[in-house]
Amino acid sequence: MTASQPRFPRREWFETLREVVAADAEMGVIGRWCDLDLALAVDDELVLLLVRAGRIAGIVPEPDLGASWGVTLRGTLEDWRTFLQPVPPPFYTDVLAMNSRVPSFGIEGDRRAFVRHLRALGRMFDLARRLGAGSA
């Protein structure tokens, strides 16, 4: 990890994730049916990811009141930074484990949509983990 890497949850970090996801051949195959508006809540910040055909088509920091989405993954900054470690500790290895075992983390909204796209989202989060949380 270099000092020039963007820090999570800055917009630049999400832009880098968009590029990494777009370039990933595996995501191109498993994500082709993944259309989901996914909000990531980090403490009091909210970032809306518009996922279309397994690609991040839009990044909306702090969406306005008129925006809507299907699923929210809500956690503290520390939860997310722990999750994004190259080798996270137990219970931080995936969002389902975090939902079950990390009290400050939760999955909200349309659970069917979340489960329907779980494989593609898992790949996206694997790619996010490769980016890490950025340097301090």
N, C-alpha and C. Protein backbone atom coordinates (compact mmCIF):
# COMPACT_ATOMS: atom_id res chain seq x y z
N MET A 1 0.85 -1.16 0.00
CA MET A 1 0.00 0.00 0.00
C MET A 1 0.90 1.23 0.00
N THR A 2 0.61 2.19 -0.88
CA THR A 2 1.43 3.38 -0.96
C THR A 2 0.68 4.56 -0.37
N ALA A 3 1.45 5.62 -0.07
CA ALA A 3 0.85 6.81 0.53
C ALA A 3 -0.11 7.50 -0.43
N SER A 4 0.00 7.22 -1.73
CA SER A 4 -0.85 7.88 -2.71
C SER A 4 -2.24 7.23 -2.86
N GLN A 5 -2.44 6.10 -2.24
CA GLN A 5 -3.75 5.44 -2.35
C GLN A 5 -4.81 6.26 -1.63
N PRO A 6 -5.98 6.37 -2.25
CA PRO A 6 -7.06 7.12 -1.58
C PRO A 6 -7.53 6.40 -0.33
N ARG A 7 -8.04 7.16 0.60
CA ARG A 7 -8.46 6.64 1.89
C ARG A 7 -9.98 6.40 1.89
N PHE A 8 -10.38 5.25 2.40
CA PHE A 8 -11.79 4.93 2.58
C PHE A 8 -12.35 5.83 3.68
N PRO A 9 -13.50 6.42 3.56
CA PRO A 9 -14.53 6.33 2.51
C PRO A 9 -14.58 7.54 1.58
N ARG A 10 -13.45 8.11 1.22
CA ARG A 10 -13.45 9.26 0.30
C ARG A 10 -13.91 8.86 -1.08
N ARG A 11 -14.46 9.82 -1.79
CA ARG A 11 -14.96 9.56 -3.14
C ARG A 11 -13.88 8.94 -4.04
N GLU A 12 -12.64 9.41 -3.89
CA GLU A 12 -11.55 8.89 -4.72
C GLU A 12 -11.36 7.39 -4.50
N TRP A 13 -11.58 6.93 -3.28
CA TRP A 13 -11.48 5.49 -3.01
C TRP A 13 -12.54 4.73 -3.81
N PHE A 14 -13.76 5.26 -3.81
CA PHE A 14 -14.84 4.61 -4.55
C PHE A 14 -14.61 4.68 -6.06
N GLU A 15 -14.02 5.77 -6.54
CA GLU A 15 -13.68 5.87 -7.97
C GLU A 15 -12.65 4.81 -8.34
N THR A 16 -11.67 4.60 -7.47
CA THR A 16 -10.68 3.56 -7.72
C THR A 16 -11.34 2.18 -7.70
N LEU A 17 -12.24 1.96 -6.76
CA LEU A 17 -12.97 0.69 -6.73
C LEU A 17 -13.75 0.50 -8.02
N ARG A 18 -14.40 1.55 -8.51
CA ARG A 18 -15.14 1.45 -9.78
C ARG A 18 -14.23 0.96 -10.90
N GLU A 19 -13.04 1.51 -10.99
CA GLU A 19 -12.09 1.11 -12.03
C GLU A 19 -11.66 -0.34 -11.88
N VAL A 20 -11.37 -0.74 -10.64
CA VAL A 20 -10.93 -2.11 -10.37
C VAL A 20 -12.05 -3.11 -10.72
N VAL A 21 -13.27 -2.80 -10.33
CA VAL A 21 -14.41 -3.68 -10.62
C VAL A 21 -14.63 -3.77 -12.13
N ALA A 22 -14.54 -2.65 -12.82
CA ALA A 22 -14.75 -2.64 -14.28
C ALA A 22 -13.70 -3.48 -15.01
N ALA A 23 -12.49 -3.53 -14.47
CA ALA A 23 -11.40 -4.26 -15.12
C ALA A 23 -11.36 -5.74 -14.76
N ASP A 24 -12.19 -6.17 -13.82
CA ASP A 24 -12.12 -7.55 -13.33
C ASP A 24 -12.95 -8.48 -14.20
N ALA A 25 -12.28 -9.44 -14.84
CA ALA A 25 -12.95 -10.38 -15.74
C ALA A 25 -13.97 -11.26 -15.00
N GLU A 26 -13.62 -11.71 -13.81
CA GLU A 26 -14.55 -12.55 -13.05
C GLU A 26 -15.83 -11.79 -12.72
N MET A 27 -15.69 -10.54 -12.34
CA MET A 27 -16.87 -9.74 -12.03
C MET A 27 -17.73 -9.53 -13.28
N GLY A 28 -17.07 -9.45 -14.43
CA GLY A 28 -17.82 -9.31 -15.68
C GLY A 28 -18.73 -10.49 -15.95
N VAL A 29 -18.33 -11.67 -15.50
CA VAL A 29 -19.14 -12.87 -15.71
C VAL A 29 -20.19 -13.02 -14.62
N ILE A 30 -19.77 -13.01 -13.37
CA ILE A 30 -20.73 -13.28 -12.29
C ILE A 30 -21.63 -12.10 -11.99
N GLY A 31 -21.22 -10.91 -12.42
CA GLY A 31 -22.01 -9.73 -12.11
C GLY A 31 -22.95 -9.27 -13.21
N ARG A 32 -22.99 -9.97 -14.31
CA ARG A 32 -23.76 -9.46 -15.45
C ARG A 32 -25.24 -9.28 -15.16
N TRP A 33 -25.79 -9.96 -14.17
CA TRP A 33 -27.21 -9.81 -13.82
C TRP A 33 -27.39 -8.99 -12.54
N CYS A 34 -26.31 -8.43 -12.04
CA CYS A 34 -26.37 -7.70 -10.77
C CYS A 34 -26.72 -6.23 -11.01
N ASP A 35 -27.96 -5.87 -10.73
CA ASP A 35 -28.42 -4.48 -10.76
C ASP A 35 -28.97 -4.18 -9.37
N LEU A 36 -28.32 -3.28 -8.67
CA LEU A 36 -28.68 -3.00 -7.28
C LEU A 36 -28.22 -1.61 -6.90
N ASP A 37 -29.07 -0.89 -6.20
CA ASP A 37 -28.68 0.38 -5.60
C ASP A 37 -28.33 0.07 -4.15
N LEU A 38 -27.04 0.20 -3.83
CA LEU A 38 -26.49 -0.23 -2.56
C LEU A 38 -25.91 0.97 -1.82
N ALA A 39 -26.39 1.21 -0.61
CA ALA A 39 -25.85 2.28 0.22
C ALA A 39 -24.89 1.71 1.24
N LEU A 40 -23.74 2.34 1.36
CA LEU A 40 -22.79 2.00 2.41
C LEU A 40 -22.80 3.14 3.41
N ALA A 41 -23.20 2.83 4.64
CA ALA A 41 -23.24 3.82 5.71
C ALA A 41 -21.99 3.63 6.56
N VAL A 42 -21.25 4.71 6.71
CA VAL A 42 -20.01 4.70 7.48
C VAL A 42 -20.16 5.79 8.54
N ASP A 43 -20.44 5.37 9.76
CA ASP A 43 -20.79 6.32 10.82
C ASP A 43 -21.96 7.18 10.31
N ASP A 44 -21.77 8.48 10.21
CA ASP A 44 -22.85 9.36 9.76
C ASP A 44 -22.80 9.66 8.27
N GLU A 45 -21.84 9.09 7.56
CA GLU A 45 -21.72 9.32 6.11
C GLU A 45 -22.44 8.22 5.36
N LEU A 46 -22.95 8.57 4.18
CA LEU A 46 -23.64 7.60 3.35
C LEU A 46 -23.14 7.75 1.92
N VAL A 47 -22.81 6.63 1.29
CA VAL A 47 -22.40 6.62 -0.10
C VAL A 47 -23.29 5.61 -0.82
N LEU A 48 -23.93 6.07 -1.88
CA LEU A 48 -24.81 5.22 -2.68
C LEU A 48 -24.06 4.74 -3.90
N LEU A 49 -23.99 3.43 -4.08
CA LEU A 49 -23.37 2.83 -5.25
C LEU A 49 -24.48 2.31 -6.15
N LEU A 50 -24.50 2.78 -7.38
CA LEU A 50 -25.47 2.32 -8.37
C LEU A 50 -24.79 1.23 -9.19
N VAL A 51 -25.13 -0.01 -8.91
CA VAL A 51 -24.49 -1.15 -9.57
C VAL A 51 -25.38 -1.60 -10.72
N ARG A 52 -24.80 -1.63 -11.91
CA ARG A 52 -25.53 -2.05 -13.11
C ARG A 52 -24.68 -3.09 -13.85
N ALA A 53 -25.26 -4.25 -14.09
CA ALA A 53 -24.57 -5.34 -14.77
C ALA A 53 -23.22 -5.63 -14.12
N GLY A 54 -23.19 -5.56 -12.78
CA GLY A 54 -21.99 -5.89 -12.04
C GLY A 54 -20.92 -4.81 -12.05
N ARG A 55 -21.22 -3.66 -12.60
CA ARG A 55 -20.28 -2.55 -12.64
C ARG A 55 -20.82 -1.41 -11.79
N ILE A 56 -19.95 -0.61 -11.22
CA ILE A 56 -20.39 0.55 -10.46
C ILE A 56 -20.65 1.68 -11.46
N ALA A 57 -21.91 1.88 -11.75
CA ALA A 57 -22.30 2.87 -12.76
C ALA A 57 -22.38 4.27 -12.18
N GLY A 58 -22.57 4.38 -10.88
CA GLY A 58 -22.67 5.69 -10.25
C GLY A 58 -22.25 5.64 -8.80
N ILE A 59 -21.69 6.75 -8.35
CA ILE A 59 -21.28 6.92 -6.96
C ILE A 59 -21.91 8.22 -6.49
N VAL A 60 -22.77 8.12 -5.48
CA VAL A 60 -23.48 9.30 -4.99
C VAL A 60 -23.18 9.48 -3.51
N PRO A 61 -22.21 10.37 -3.18
CA PRO A 61 -21.96 10.64 -1.77
C PRO A 61 -23.11 11.46 -1.19
N GLU A 62 -23.52 11.12 0.00
CA GLU A 62 -24.59 11.83 0.70
C GLU A 62 -25.79 12.10 -0.21
N PRO A 63 -26.48 11.03 -0.65
CA PRO A 63 -27.64 11.22 -1.54
C PRO A 63 -28.71 12.07 -0.87
N ASP A 64 -29.44 12.82 -1.70
CA ASP A 64 -30.46 13.70 -1.15
C ASP A 64 -31.72 12.92 -0.78
N LEU A 65 -32.68 13.62 -0.22
CA LEU A 65 -33.90 12.96 0.27
C LEU A 65 -34.71 12.29 -0.84
N GLY A 66 -34.53 12.71 -2.07
CA GLY A 66 -35.28 12.11 -3.18
C GLY A 66 -34.70 10.79 -3.67
N ALA A 67 -33.51 10.46 -3.22
CA ALA A 67 -32.86 9.22 -3.66
C ALA A 67 -33.45 8.03 -2.91
N SER A 68 -33.42 6.88 -3.55
CA SER A 68 -33.84 5.65 -2.89
C SER A 68 -32.88 4.54 -3.29
N TRP A 69 -32.86 3.49 -2.49
CA TRP A 69 -31.99 2.35 -2.75
C TRP A 69 -32.58 1.13 -2.08
N GLY A 70 -32.10 -0.03 -2.49
CA GLY A 70 -32.67 -1.27 -1.99
C GLY A 70 -32.04 -1.82 -0.74
N VAL A 71 -30.73 -1.66 -0.60
CA VAL A 71 -30.01 -2.28 0.50
C VAL A 71 -29.02 -1.29 1.10
N THR A 72 -28.93 -1.31 2.42
CA THR A 72 -27.92 -0.51 3.14
C THR A 72 -27.06 -1.44 3.97
N LEU A 73 -25.76 -1.27 3.86
CA LEU A 73 -24.81 -1.93 4.74
C LEU A 73 -24.29 -0.85 5.68
N ARG A 74 -24.61 -0.97 6.97
CA ARG A 74 -24.33 0.09 7.94
C ARG A 74 -23.32 -0.38 8.97
N GLY A 75 -22.24 0.40 9.12
CA GLY A 75 -21.23 0.08 10.12
C GLY A 75 -20.43 1.32 10.50
N THR A 76 -19.61 1.15 11.50
CA THR A 76 -18.73 2.24 11.91
C THR A 76 -17.53 2.30 10.97
N LEU A 77 -16.81 3.40 11.01
CA LEU A 77 -15.59 3.51 10.22
C LEU A 77 -14.62 2.40 10.62
N GLU A 78 -14.54 2.12 11.90
CA GLU A 78 -13.65 1.05 12.37
C GLU A 78 -14.09 -0.32 11.84
N ASP A 79 -15.40 -0.57 11.79
CA ASP A 79 -15.90 -1.82 11.20
C ASP A 79 -15.41 -1.97 9.77
N TRP A 80 -15.59 -0.92 8.97
CA TRP A 80 -15.23 -0.97 7.56
C TRP A 80 -13.73 -1.10 7.38
N ARG A 81 -12.96 -0.36 8.15
CA ARG A 81 -11.50 -0.46 8.01
C ARG A 81 -10.99 -1.83 8.42
N THR A 82 -11.61 -2.42 9.42
CA THR A 82 -11.23 -3.77 9.83
C THR A 82 -11.59 -4.76 8.72
N PHE A 83 -12.78 -4.63 8.16
CA PHE A 83 -13.24 -5.48 7.06
C PHE A 83 -12.30 -5.39 5.85
N LEU A 84 -11.76 -4.21 5.58
CA LEU A 84 -10.94 -3.98 4.40
C LEU A 84 -9.47 -4.38 4.58
N GLN A 85 -9.11 -4.91 5.74
CA GLN A 85 -7.74 -5.39 5.94
C GLN A 85 -7.48 -6.57 5.01
N PRO A 86 -6.23 -6.74 4.56
CA PRO A 86 -5.92 -7.87 3.67
C PRO A 86 -6.34 -9.22 4.25
N VAL A 87 -6.10 -9.40 5.54
CA VAL A 87 -6.54 -10.60 6.25
C VAL A 87 -7.28 -10.13 7.50
N PRO A 88 -8.60 -9.96 7.38
CA PRO A 88 -9.34 -9.44 8.53
C PRO A 88 -9.47 -10.48 9.63
N PRO A 89 -9.69 -10.02 10.86
CA PRO A 89 -9.88 -10.95 11.96
C PRO A 89 -11.21 -11.70 11.84
N PRO A 90 -11.41 -12.73 12.66
CA PRO A 90 -12.68 -13.46 12.63
C PRO A 90 -13.87 -12.52 12.76
N PHE A 91 -14.93 -12.88 12.08
CA PHE A 91 -16.20 -12.16 12.04
C PHE A 91 -16.17 -10.93 11.14
N TYR A 92 -15.01 -10.57 10.60
CA TYR A 92 -14.90 -9.45 9.67
C TYR A 92 -14.55 -9.92 8.27
N THR A 93 -14.67 -11.21 8.02
CA THR A 93 -14.26 -11.76 6.74
C THR A 93 -15.28 -11.54 5.63
N ASP A 94 -16.54 -11.37 5.97
CA ASP A 94 -17.56 -11.02 4.97
C ASP A 94 -18.72 -10.34 5.67
N VAL A 95 -19.57 -9.71 4.87
CA VAL A 95 -20.64 -8.90 5.46
C VAL A 95 -21.68 -9.76 6.18
N LEU A 96 -21.89 -10.99 5.77
CA LEU A 96 -22.83 -11.85 6.50
C LEU A 96 -22.32 -12.18 7.89
N ALA A 97 -21.02 -12.47 7.99
CA ALA A 97 -20.44 -12.73 9.31
C ALA A 97 -20.52 -11.49 10.18
N MET A 98 -20.24 -10.34 9.59
CA MET A 98 -20.31 -9.09 10.36
C MET A 98 -21.73 -8.83 10.83
N ASN A 99 -22.69 -9.08 9.97
CA ASN A 99 -24.09 -8.87 10.33
C ASN A 99 -24.49 -9.72 11.54
N SER A 100 -23.95 -10.93 11.60
CA SER A 100 -24.29 -11.86 12.68
C SER A 100 -23.52 -11.61 13.96
N ARG A 101 -22.26 -11.14 13.84
CA ARG A 101 -21.38 -11.14 15.00
C ARG A 101 -20.81 -9.79 15.41
N VAL A 102 -20.99 -8.77 14.59
CA VAL A 102 -20.46 -7.44 14.93
C VAL A 102 -21.66 -6.55 15.26
N PRO A 103 -21.87 -6.22 16.52
CA PRO A 103 -23.09 -5.50 16.93
C PRO A 103 -23.30 -4.15 16.23
N SER A 104 -22.23 -3.49 15.85
CA SER A 104 -22.36 -2.17 15.23
C SER A 104 -22.56 -2.23 13.72
N PHE A 105 -22.64 -3.43 13.13
CA PHE A 105 -22.80 -3.60 11.69
C PHE A 105 -24.16 -4.23 11.39
N GLY A 106 -24.78 -3.77 10.31
CA GLY A 106 -26.06 -4.37 9.95
C GLY A 106 -26.36 -4.28 8.47
N ILE A 107 -27.20 -5.19 8.02
CA ILE A 107 -27.72 -5.20 6.66
C ILE A 107 -29.18 -4.79 6.75
N GLU A 108 -29.55 -3.74 6.04
CA GLU A 108 -30.91 -3.22 6.10
C GLU A 108 -31.52 -3.19 4.70
N GLY A 109 -32.83 -3.29 4.64
CA GLY A 109 -33.52 -3.14 3.36
C GLY A 109 -33.96 -4.47 2.79
N ASP A 110 -33.92 -4.55 1.49
CA ASP A 110 -34.44 -5.69 0.73
C ASP A 110 -33.46 -6.86 0.81
N ARG A 111 -33.69 -7.73 1.76
CA ARG A 111 -32.77 -8.87 1.96
C ARG A 111 -32.78 -9.83 0.77
N ARG A 112 -33.92 -9.95 0.12
CA ARG A 112 -33.97 -10.84 -1.06
C ARG A 112 -33.05 -10.33 -2.16
N ALA A 113 -33.08 -9.02 -2.40
CA ALA A 113 -32.19 -8.44 -3.41
C ALA A 113 -30.74 -8.64 -3.00
N PHE A 114 -30.46 -8.44 -1.72
CA PHE A 114 -29.10 -8.63 -1.24
C PHE A 114 -28.63 -10.07 -1.48
N VAL A 115 -29.44 -11.03 -1.10
CA VAL A 115 -29.07 -12.43 -1.26
C VAL A 115 -28.98 -12.81 -2.74
N ARG A 116 -29.87 -12.28 -3.54
CA ARG A 116 -29.86 -12.57 -4.98
C ARG A 116 -28.53 -12.15 -5.61
N HIS A 117 -27.95 -11.08 -5.12
CA HIS A 117 -26.72 -10.55 -5.70
C HIS A 117 -25.50 -10.82 -4.82
N LEU A 118 -25.62 -11.72 -3.88
CA LEU A 118 -24.57 -11.95 -2.90
C LEU A 118 -23.24 -12.36 -3.52
N ARG A 119 -23.27 -13.22 -4.51
CA ARG A 119 -22.00 -13.67 -5.13
C ARG A 119 -21.28 -12.50 -5.79
N ALA A 120 -22.02 -11.68 -6.53
CA ALA A 120 -21.39 -10.53 -7.18
C ALA A 120 -20.91 -9.51 -6.15
N LEU A 121 -21.71 -9.27 -5.12
CA LEU A 121 -21.29 -8.33 -4.08
C LEU A 121 -20.08 -8.86 -3.33
N GLY A 122 -20.05 -10.17 -3.10
CA GLY A 122 -18.88 -10.77 -2.45
C GLY A 122 -17.62 -10.54 -3.26
N ARG A 123 -17.73 -10.68 -4.58
CA ARG A 123 -16.57 -10.42 -5.45
C ARG A 123 -16.17 -8.95 -5.38
N MET A 124 -17.16 -8.07 -5.39
CA MET A 124 -16.87 -6.64 -5.31
C MET A 124 -16.14 -6.31 -4.01
N PHE A 125 -16.57 -6.93 -2.92
CA PHE A 125 -15.91 -6.68 -1.64
C PHE A 125 -14.53 -7.33 -1.58
N ASP A 126 -14.33 -8.46 -2.26
CA ASP A 126 -12.98 -9.03 -2.36
C ASP A 126 -12.05 -8.04 -3.06
N LEU A 127 -12.55 -7.43 -4.11
CA LEU A 127 -11.74 -6.43 -4.84
C LEU A 127 -11.50 -5.20 -3.96
N ALA A 128 -12.52 -4.81 -3.20
CA ALA A 128 -12.36 -3.68 -2.28
C ALA A 128 -11.30 -3.98 -1.24
N ARG A 129 -11.27 -5.19 -0.77
CA ARG A 129 -10.27 -5.58 0.24
C ARG A 129 -8.86 -5.46 -0.34
N ARG A 130 -8.71 -5.75 -1.62
CA ARG A 130 -7.40 -5.59 -2.24
C ARG A 130 -6.94 -4.14 -2.26
N LEU A 131 -7.91 -3.23 -2.34
CA LEU A 131 -7.59 -1.81 -2.26
C LEU A 131 -7.20 -1.42 -0.83
N GLY A 132 -7.82 -2.07 0.12
CA GLY A 132 -7.60 -1.72 1.52
C GLY A 132 -8.33 -0.43 1.87
N ALA A 133 -8.03 0.09 3.02
CA ALA A 133 -8.69 1.31 3.49
C ALA A 133 -7.88 2.55 3.15
N GLY A 134 -6.73 2.39 2.49
CA GLY A 134 -5.88 3.53 2.19
C GLY A 134 -4.97 3.85 3.35
N SER A 135 -4.06 4.75 3.11
CA SER A 135 -3.08 5.08 4.15
C SER A 135 -3.59 6.20 5.04
N ALA A 136 -3.08 6.22 6.24
CA ALA A 136 -3.51 7.22 7.23
C ALA A 136 -2.94 8.58 6.93
